[in-house]
Amino acid sequence: MRKLQSEDYNQECSVLAQYLLGKILARKLKNGKILKGIIVETEAYLGGDDKASHSFNGKMTERNKPMFAAPGTSYVYTIYGMYHCVNISAQGAGAAVLLRALEPLENLEEMRLSRMSIKNNPKFLKDVDICNGPSKLCISFNITKELNNLFMPESEVLWVEERLPHFEECTPIIKSTRIGIERCGTEWATKKLRYYVFKCPHVSKRDKKSEKDFETLQRT
């Protein structure tokens, strides 16, 4: 599959977030194995006036520098002091797309073992529960801060490939509100900047109301 190049990432953040759906995230491990998963859920963080963005008001810090780098740069940060989230910078200073969920594609058992290894009482994980969240996908793909600030079009350890043939351009996309940003105020908490593949069982959280509204619109 064709690796996405710099011009593919050079899009307005919300556009890139939707463009990435159906594309394939690839991660080459130190043992030579390559993990792959279909991107099925994203969130756009616009920078500037976006109060939910780490780069709100254009503030650049040592932590969020990759958000201001060339489009296609990885931004990996930690939450709760132990889990990771991976983003990809977009067009515009401080804009980035959070990868929220993947549908496992290649080397699934390697991903499952990575997830189960961090549990005190590991139980067998269903396929749909392996990468259905931003930190879950990072654990499954062994994405840590070592992969922060990589220019993905040139990276040999983390990159994005073109979509599979069955993910056509007409694949329905649901637009919903972002998750866990209520503290940022009503305006930004209610903006529909989360995107996911319609009825996909691998997403972190389905928005049944938005799905119903979409179906109603399709029938009119």
C-alpha atoms as a PDB file:
ATOM      1  CA  MET A   1       0.000   0.000   0.000  1.00  0.00           C
ATOM      2  CA  ARG A   2       1.142   3.558  -0.733  1.00  0.00           C
ATOM      3  CA  LYS A   3       2.554   5.416   2.266  1.00  0.00           C
ATOM      4  CA  LEU A   4       0.899   8.799   2.806  1.00  0.00           C
ATOM      5  CA  GLN A   5       3.189  11.709   1.876  1.00  0.00           C
ATOM      6  CA  SER A   6       3.505  15.221   3.264  1.00  0.00           C
ATOM      7  CA  GLU A   7       0.938  16.657   0.844  1.00  0.00           C
ATOM      8  CA  ASP A   8      -1.644  14.112   2.040  1.00  0.00           C
ATOM      9  CA  TYR A   9      -1.427  15.492   5.573  1.00  0.00           C
ATOM     10  CA  ASN A  10      -1.410  19.144   4.505  1.00  0.00           C
ATOM     11  CA  GLN A  11      -5.146  19.620   5.013  1.00  0.00           C
ATOM     12  CA  GLU A  12      -7.313  21.624   7.400  1.00  0.00           C
ATOM     13  CA  CYS A  13      -7.568  19.687  10.653  1.00  0.00           C
ATOM     14  CA  SER A  14     -11.232  18.614  10.523  1.00  0.00           C
ATOM     15  CA  VAL A  15     -10.803  17.628   6.864  1.00  0.00           C
ATOM     16  CA  LEU A  16      -7.704  15.562   7.673  1.00  0.00           C
ATOM     17  CA  ALA A  17      -9.522  13.874  10.566  1.00  0.00           C
ATOM     18  CA  GLN A  18     -12.149  12.585   8.132  1.00  0.00           C
ATOM     19  CA  TYR A  19      -9.619  11.846   5.390  1.00  0.00           C
ATOM     20  CA  LEU A  20      -7.705   9.510   7.700  1.00  0.00           C
ATOM     21  CA  LEU A  21     -10.728   7.271   8.285  1.00  0.00           C
ATOM     22  CA  GLY A  22     -10.194   4.008   6.440  1.00  0.00           C
ATOM     23  CA  LYS A  23      -6.455   4.628   6.126  1.00  0.00           C
ATOM     24  CA  ILE A  24      -4.053   2.120   7.683  1.00  0.00           C
ATOM     25  CA  LEU A  25      -1.800   2.890  10.644  1.00  0.00           C
ATOM     26  CA  ALA A  26       1.406   0.830  10.472  1.00  0.00           C
ATOM     27  CA  ARG A  27       3.925   0.251  13.249  1.00  0.00           C
ATOM     28  CA  LYS A  28       7.203  -1.638  12.833  1.00  0.00           C
ATOM     29  CA  LEU A  29       8.373  -3.206  16.086  1.00  0.00           C
ATOM     30  CA  LYS A  30      11.971  -3.792  17.143  1.00  0.00           C
ATOM     31  CA  ASN A  31      11.519  -7.513  16.440  1.00  0.00           C
ATOM     32  CA  GLY A  32      10.741  -6.693  12.808  1.00  0.00           C
ATOM     33  CA  LYS A  33       7.015  -7.425  12.976  1.00  0.00           C
ATOM     34  CA  ILE A  34       4.692  -4.863  11.411  1.00  0.00           C
ATOM     35  CA  LEU A  35       1.353  -4.185  13.076  1.00  0.00           C
ATOM     36  CA  LYS A  36      -1.449  -2.689  11.023  1.00  0.00           C
ATOM     37  CA  GLY A  37      -4.901  -1.367  11.828  1.00  0.00           C
ATOM     38  CA  ILE A  38      -7.602   0.545   9.975  1.00  0.00           C
ATOM     39  CA  ILE A  39      -8.255   4.003  11.409  1.00  0.00           C
ATOM     40  CA  VAL A  40     -11.973   4.062  12.272  1.00  0.00           C
ATOM     41  CA  GLU A  41     -12.287   6.986  14.709  1.00  0.00           C
ATOM     42  CA  THR A  42     -10.563  10.366  14.995  1.00  0.00           C
ATOM     43  CA  GLU A  43     -10.949  13.747  16.688  1.00  0.00           C
ATOM     44  CA  ALA A  44      -9.864  17.132  15.361  1.00  0.00           C
ATOM     45  CA  TYR A  45      -8.101  19.601  17.678  1.00  0.00           C
ATOM     46  CA  LEU A  46      -7.918  22.875  15.823  1.00  0.00           C
ATOM     47  CA  GLY A  47      -5.507  24.923  17.898  1.00  0.00           C
ATOM     48  CA  GLY A  48      -6.068  28.680  18.132  1.00  0.00           C
ATOM     49  CA  ASP A  49      -9.501  29.280  19.687  1.00  0.00           C
ATOM     50  CA  ASP A  50     -10.130  25.590  20.377  1.00  0.00           C
ATOM     51  CA  LYS A  51     -10.240  25.441  24.177  1.00  0.00           C
ATOM     52  CA  ALA A  52      -9.903  21.652  24.139  1.00  0.00           C
ATOM     53  CA  SER A  53      -6.620  21.776  22.248  1.00  0.00           C
ATOM     54  CA  HIS A  54      -3.226  21.570  23.952  1.00  0.00           C
ATOM     55  CA  SER A  55      -2.266  24.515  21.737  1.00  0.00           C
ATOM     56  CA  PHE A  56      -5.196  26.750  22.748  1.00  0.00           C
ATOM     57  CA  ASN A  57      -4.457  30.429  22.040  1.00  0.00           C
ATOM     58  CA  GLY A  58      -1.416  29.434  20.005  1.00  0.00           C
ATOM     59  CA  LYS A  59       0.600  28.526  23.078  1.00  0.00           C
ATOM     60  CA  MET A  60       3.640  26.413  22.219  1.00  0.00           C
ATOM     61  CA  THR A  61       5.379  24.409  24.937  1.00  0.00           C
ATOM     62  CA  GLU A  62       8.111  21.791  24.980  1.00  0.00           C
ATOM     63  CA  ARG A  63       5.365  19.181  25.225  1.00  0.00           C
ATOM     64  CA  ASN A  64       3.175  20.288  22.303  1.00  0.00           C
ATOM     65  CA  LYS A  65       5.883  21.361  19.824  1.00  0.00           C
ATOM     66  CA  PRO A  66       4.937  18.604  17.334  1.00  0.00           C
ATOM     67  CA  MET A  67       1.513  20.256  16.923  1.00  0.00           C
ATOM     68  CA  PHE A  68       3.320  23.197  15.319  1.00  0.00           C
ATOM     69  CA  ALA A  69       5.565  21.039  13.143  1.00  0.00           C
ATOM     70  CA  ALA A  70       5.038  20.101   9.494  1.00  0.00           C
ATOM     71  CA  PRO A  71       1.757  18.300   8.754  1.00  0.00           C
ATOM     72  CA  GLY A  72       2.254  14.572   9.240  1.00  0.00           C
ATOM     73  CA  THR A  73       4.306  14.843  12.437  1.00  0.00           C
ATOM     74  CA  SER A  74       3.476  12.492  15.309  1.00  0.00           C
ATOM     75  CA  TYR A  75       2.499  13.969  18.661  1.00  0.00           C
ATOM     76  CA  VAL A  76       2.548  11.410  21.480  1.00  0.00           C
ATOM     77  CA  TYR A  77       1.704  12.484  25.012  1.00  0.00           C
ATOM     78  CA  THR A  78       0.894  10.765  28.303  1.00  0.00           C
ATOM     79  CA  ILE A  79      -2.316  10.839  30.331  1.00  0.00           C
ATOM     80  CA  TYR A  80      -2.731   9.799  33.966  1.00  0.00           C
ATOM     81  CA  GLY A  81       1.047   9.516  34.103  1.00  0.00           C
ATOM     82  CA  MET A  82       1.118   6.127  32.394  1.00  0.00           C
ATOM     83  CA  TYR A  83      -0.995   5.891  29.224  1.00  0.00           C
ATOM     84  CA  HIS A  84      -0.246   7.347  25.805  1.00  0.00           C
ATOM     85  CA  CYS A  85      -2.250   9.009  23.036  1.00  0.00           C
ATOM     86  CA  VAL A  86      -1.047   9.526  19.457  1.00  0.00           C
ATOM     87  CA  ASN A  87      -1.904  12.467  17.223  1.00  0.00           C
ATOM     88  CA  ILE A  88      -0.858  13.625  13.765  1.00  0.00           C
ATOM     89  CA  SER A  89      -0.233  17.298  13.021  1.00  0.00           C
ATOM     90  CA  ALA A  90      -2.398  18.966  10.395  1.00  0.00           C
ATOM     91  CA  GLN A  91      -2.365  22.160   8.353  1.00  0.00           C
ATOM     92  CA  GLY A  92      -2.266  25.252  10.551  1.00  0.00           C
ATOM     93  CA  ALA A  93      -0.215  26.104  13.636  1.00  0.00           C
ATOM     94  CA  GLY A  94      -1.156  23.956  16.610  1.00  0.00           C
ATOM     95  CA  ALA A  95      -3.662  21.739  14.786  1.00  0.00           C
ATOM     96  CA  ALA A  96      -3.594  17.954  15.178  1.00  0.00           C
ATOM     97  CA  VAL A  97      -5.773  14.878  14.758  1.00  0.00           C
ATOM     98  CA  LEU A  98      -6.134  12.410  17.624  1.00  0.00           C
ATOM     99  CA  LEU A  99      -6.370   8.757  16.593  1.00  0.00           C
ATOM    100  CA  ARG A 100      -9.120   7.312  18.780  1.00  0.00           C
ATOM    101  CA  ALA A 101      -9.707   3.786  17.480  1.00  0.00           C
ATOM    102  CA  LEU A 102      -8.461   1.185  15.014  1.00  0.00           C
ATOM    103  CA  GLU A 103      -9.788  -2.022  13.524  1.00  0.00           C
ATOM    104  CA  PRO A 104      -6.909  -4.523  13.919  1.00  0.00           C
ATOM    105  CA  LEU A 105      -5.690  -5.770  10.563  1.00  0.00           C
ATOM    106  CA  GLU A 106      -2.306  -7.534  10.766  1.00  0.00           C
ATOM    107  CA  ASN A 107      -0.520  -9.305  13.646  1.00  0.00           C
ATOM    108  CA  LEU A 108      -3.628  -9.210  15.795  1.00  0.00           C
ATOM    109  CA  GLU A 109      -2.291 -11.686  18.367  1.00  0.00           C
ATOM    110  CA  GLU A 110       0.765  -9.500  18.977  1.00  0.00           C
ATOM    111  CA  MET A 111      -1.606  -6.621  19.779  1.00  0.00           C
ATOM    112  CA  ARG A 112      -3.763  -8.788  22.039  1.00  0.00           C
ATOM    113  CA  LEU A 113      -0.740  -9.964  24.035  1.00  0.00           C
ATOM    114  CA  SER A 114       0.445  -6.372  24.498  1.00  0.00           C
ATOM    115  CA  ARG A 115      -2.956  -5.380  25.879  1.00  0.00           C
ATOM    116  CA  MET A 116      -3.259  -8.394  28.150  1.00  0.00           C
ATOM    117  CA  SER A 117       0.285  -8.063  29.504  1.00  0.00           C
ATOM    118  CA  ILE A 118      -0.518  -4.866  31.400  1.00  0.00           C
ATOM    119  CA  LYS A 119      -3.506  -6.313  33.257  1.00  0.00           C
ATOM    120  CA  ASN A 120      -3.177  -7.761  36.768  1.00  0.00           C
ATOM    121  CA  ASN A 121      -5.745 -10.429  35.928  1.00  0.00           C
ATOM    122  CA  PRO A 122      -5.491 -10.772  32.165  1.00  0.00           C
ATOM    123  CA  LYS A 123      -8.561 -12.093  30.408  1.00  0.00           C
ATOM    124  CA  PHE A 124      -8.905 -12.934  26.752  1.00  0.00           C
ATOM    125  CA  LEU A 125      -9.787  -9.764  24.843  1.00  0.00           C
ATOM    126  CA  LYS A 126     -12.284  -9.779  22.016  1.00  0.00           C
ATOM    127  CA  ASP A 127     -11.023  -8.356  18.731  1.00  0.00           C
ATOM    128  CA  VAL A 128     -13.331  -5.333  19.043  1.00  0.00           C
ATOM    129  CA  ASP A 129     -11.844  -4.446  22.447  1.00  0.00           C
ATOM    130  CA  ILE A 130      -8.182  -4.397  21.444  1.00  0.00           C
ATOM    131  CA  CYS A 131      -7.848  -0.940  19.836  1.00  0.00           C
ATOM    132  CA  ASN A 132     -11.182   0.718  20.707  1.00  0.00           C
ATOM    133  CA  GLY A 133      -9.730   3.736  22.475  1.00  0.00           C
ATOM    134  CA  PRO A 134      -6.774   6.129  22.119  1.00  0.00           C
ATOM    135  CA  SER A 135      -4.674   4.590  24.895  1.00  0.00           C
ATOM    136  CA  LYS A 136      -5.707   1.044  24.019  1.00  0.00           C
ATOM    137  CA  LEU A 137      -4.421   1.432  20.476  1.00  0.00           C
ATOM    138  CA  CYS A 138      -1.149   2.867  21.761  1.00  0.00           C
ATOM    139  CA  ILE A 139      -0.652  -0.113  24.076  1.00  0.00           C
ATOM    140  CA  SER A 140      -1.538  -2.536  21.281  1.00  0.00           C
ATOM    141  CA  PHE A 141       0.875  -0.857  18.849  1.00  0.00           C
ATOM    142  CA  ASN A 142       3.590  -0.170  21.455  1.00  0.00           C
ATOM    143  CA  ILE A 143       3.380   3.555  20.775  1.00  0.00           C
ATOM    144  CA  THR A 144       5.259   5.502  23.447  1.00  0.00           C
ATOM    145  CA  LYS A 145       6.963   8.883  23.673  1.00  0.00           C
ATOM    146  CA  GLU A 146       9.918   7.349  21.824  1.00  0.00           C
ATOM    147  CA  LEU A 147       7.754   7.851  18.729  1.00  0.00           C
ATOM    148  CA  ASN A 148       6.979  11.489  19.489  1.00  0.00           C
ATOM    149  CA  ASN A 149       7.858  14.145  16.894  1.00  0.00           C
ATOM    150  CA  LEU A 150       8.417  11.745  13.991  1.00  0.00           C
ATOM    151  CA  PHE A 151       7.799  12.980  10.455  1.00  0.00           C
ATOM    152  CA  MET A 152       5.609  10.071   9.455  1.00  0.00           C
ATOM    153  CA  PRO A 153       6.048  10.292   5.643  1.00  0.00           C
ATOM    154  CA  GLU A 154       9.737   9.490   6.211  1.00  0.00           C
ATOM    155  CA  SER A 155       9.461   7.234   9.269  1.00  0.00           C
ATOM    156  CA  GLU A 156      10.326   3.533   9.105  1.00  0.00           C
ATOM    157  CA  VAL A 157       8.675   2.728  12.449  1.00  0.00           C
ATOM    158  CA  LEU A 158       5.324   4.579  12.335  1.00  0.00           C
ATOM    159  CA  TRP A 159       3.417   5.634   9.238  1.00  0.00           C
ATOM    160  CA  VAL A 160       0.002   5.684   7.542  1.00  0.00           C
ATOM    161  CA  GLU A 161      -0.871   3.848   4.331  1.00  0.00           C
ATOM    162  CA  GLU A 162      -3.621   4.293   1.756  1.00  0.00           C
ATOM    163  CA  ARG A 163      -7.005   2.741   2.492  1.00  0.00           C
ATOM    164  CA  LEU A 164      -8.060  -0.761   1.514  1.00  0.00           C
ATOM    165  CA  PRO A 165     -10.225  -1.111  -1.617  1.00  0.00           C
ATOM    166  CA  HIS A 166     -13.349  -2.002   0.385  1.00  0.00           C
ATOM    167  CA  PHE A 167     -13.160   1.335   2.206  1.00  0.00           C
ATOM    168  CA  GLU A 168     -14.664   3.389  -0.574  1.00  0.00           C
ATOM    169  CA  GLU A 169     -14.842   7.166  -0.532  1.00  0.00           C
ATOM    170  CA  CYS A 170     -18.585   6.851   0.052  1.00  0.00           C
ATOM    171  CA  THR A 171     -18.149   5.005   3.386  1.00  0.00           C
ATOM    172  CA  PRO A 172     -20.575   6.827   5.734  1.00  0.00           C
ATOM    173  CA  ILE A 173     -18.941   8.991   8.394  1.00  0.00           C
ATOM    174  CA  ILE A 174     -20.695   9.965  11.616  1.00  0.00           C
ATOM    175  CA  LYS A 175     -19.921  13.385  13.085  1.00  0.00           C
ATOM    176  CA  SER A 176     -20.196  13.639  16.854  1.00  0.00           C
ATOM    177  CA  THR A 177     -18.896  15.588  19.843  1.00  0.00           C
ATOM    178  CA  ARG A 178     -15.431  14.918  21.213  1.00  0.00           C
ATOM    179  CA  ILE A 179     -15.084  12.796  24.333  1.00  0.00           C
ATOM    180  CA  GLY A 180     -13.997  13.977  27.783  1.00  0.00           C
ATOM    181  CA  ILE A 181     -13.755  17.728  27.140  1.00  0.00           C
ATOM    182  CA  GLU A 182     -16.819  18.973  29.051  1.00  0.00           C
ATOM    183  CA  ARG A 183     -14.568  21.169  31.216  1.00  0.00           C
ATOM    184  CA  CYS A 184     -13.772  23.284  28.143  1.00  0.00           C
ATOM    185  CA  GLY A 185     -17.207  24.889  28.082  1.00  0.00           C
ATOM    186  CA  THR A 186     -20.393  24.329  26.125  1.00  0.00           C
ATOM    187  CA  GLU A 187     -19.244  25.916  22.859  1.00  0.00           C
ATOM    188  CA  TRP A 188     -16.323  23.572  22.269  1.00  0.00           C
ATOM    189  CA  ALA A 189     -17.775  20.557  24.060  1.00  0.00           C
ATOM    190  CA  THR A 190     -20.727  20.549  21.661  1.00  0.00           C
ATOM    191  CA  LYS A 191     -18.831  21.045  18.400  1.00  0.00           C
ATOM    192  CA  LYS A 192     -18.958  17.937  16.223  1.00  0.00           C
ATOM    193  CA  LEU A 193     -15.255  17.337  15.752  1.00  0.00           C
ATOM    194  CA  ARG A 194     -15.205  13.593  16.368  1.00  0.00           C
ATOM    195  CA  TYR A 195     -15.566  11.364  13.337  1.00  0.00           C
ATOM    196  CA  TYR A 196     -16.048   7.640  13.005  1.00  0.00           C
ATOM    197  CA  VAL A 197     -17.044   4.958  10.526  1.00  0.00           C
ATOM    198  CA  PHE A 198     -20.804   4.391  10.667  1.00  0.00           C
ATOM    199  CA  LYS A 199     -21.822   1.340  12.750  1.00  0.00           C
ATOM    200  CA  CYS A 200     -18.220   0.213  13.141  1.00  0.00           C
ATOM    201  CA  PRO A 201     -17.966  -2.110  16.187  1.00  0.00           C
ATOM    202  CA  HIS A 202     -14.343  -1.082  16.832  1.00  0.00           C
ATOM    203  CA  VAL A 203     -14.989   2.571  17.778  1.00  0.00           C
ATOM    204  CA  SER A 204     -14.601   3.696  21.377  1.00  0.00           C
ATOM    205  CA  LYS A 205     -18.141   5.046  21.720  1.00  0.00           C
ATOM    206  CA  ARG A 206     -20.980   5.154  19.222  1.00  0.00           C
ATOM    207  CA  ASP A 207     -23.326   8.139  19.130  1.00  0.00           C
ATOM    208  CA  LYS A 208     -26.707   6.498  18.600  1.00  0.00           C
ATOM    209  CA  LYS A 209     -28.545   9.822  18.224  1.00  0.00           C
ATOM    210  CA  SER A 210     -26.199  11.057  15.502  1.00  0.00           C
ATOM    211  CA  GLU A 211     -26.444   7.688  13.774  1.00  0.00           C
ATOM    212  CA  LYS A 212     -30.246   7.839  13.885  1.00  0.00           C
ATOM    213  CA  ASP A 213     -30.219  11.400  12.539  1.00  0.00           C
ATOM    214  CA  PHE A 214     -27.910  10.265   9.736  1.00  0.00           C
ATOM    215  CA  GLU A 215     -30.208   7.391   8.804  1.00  0.00           C
ATOM    216  CA  THR A 216     -33.229   9.696   8.825  1.00  0.00           C
ATOM    217  CA  LEU A 217     -31.435  12.125   6.536  1.00  0.00           C
ATOM    218  CA  GLN A 218     -30.523   9.301   4.157  1.00  0.00           C
ATOM    219  CA  ARG A 219     -34.172   8.343   3.823  1.00  0.00           C
ATOM    220  CA  THR A 220     -35.353  11.845   2.902  1.00  0.00           C
END
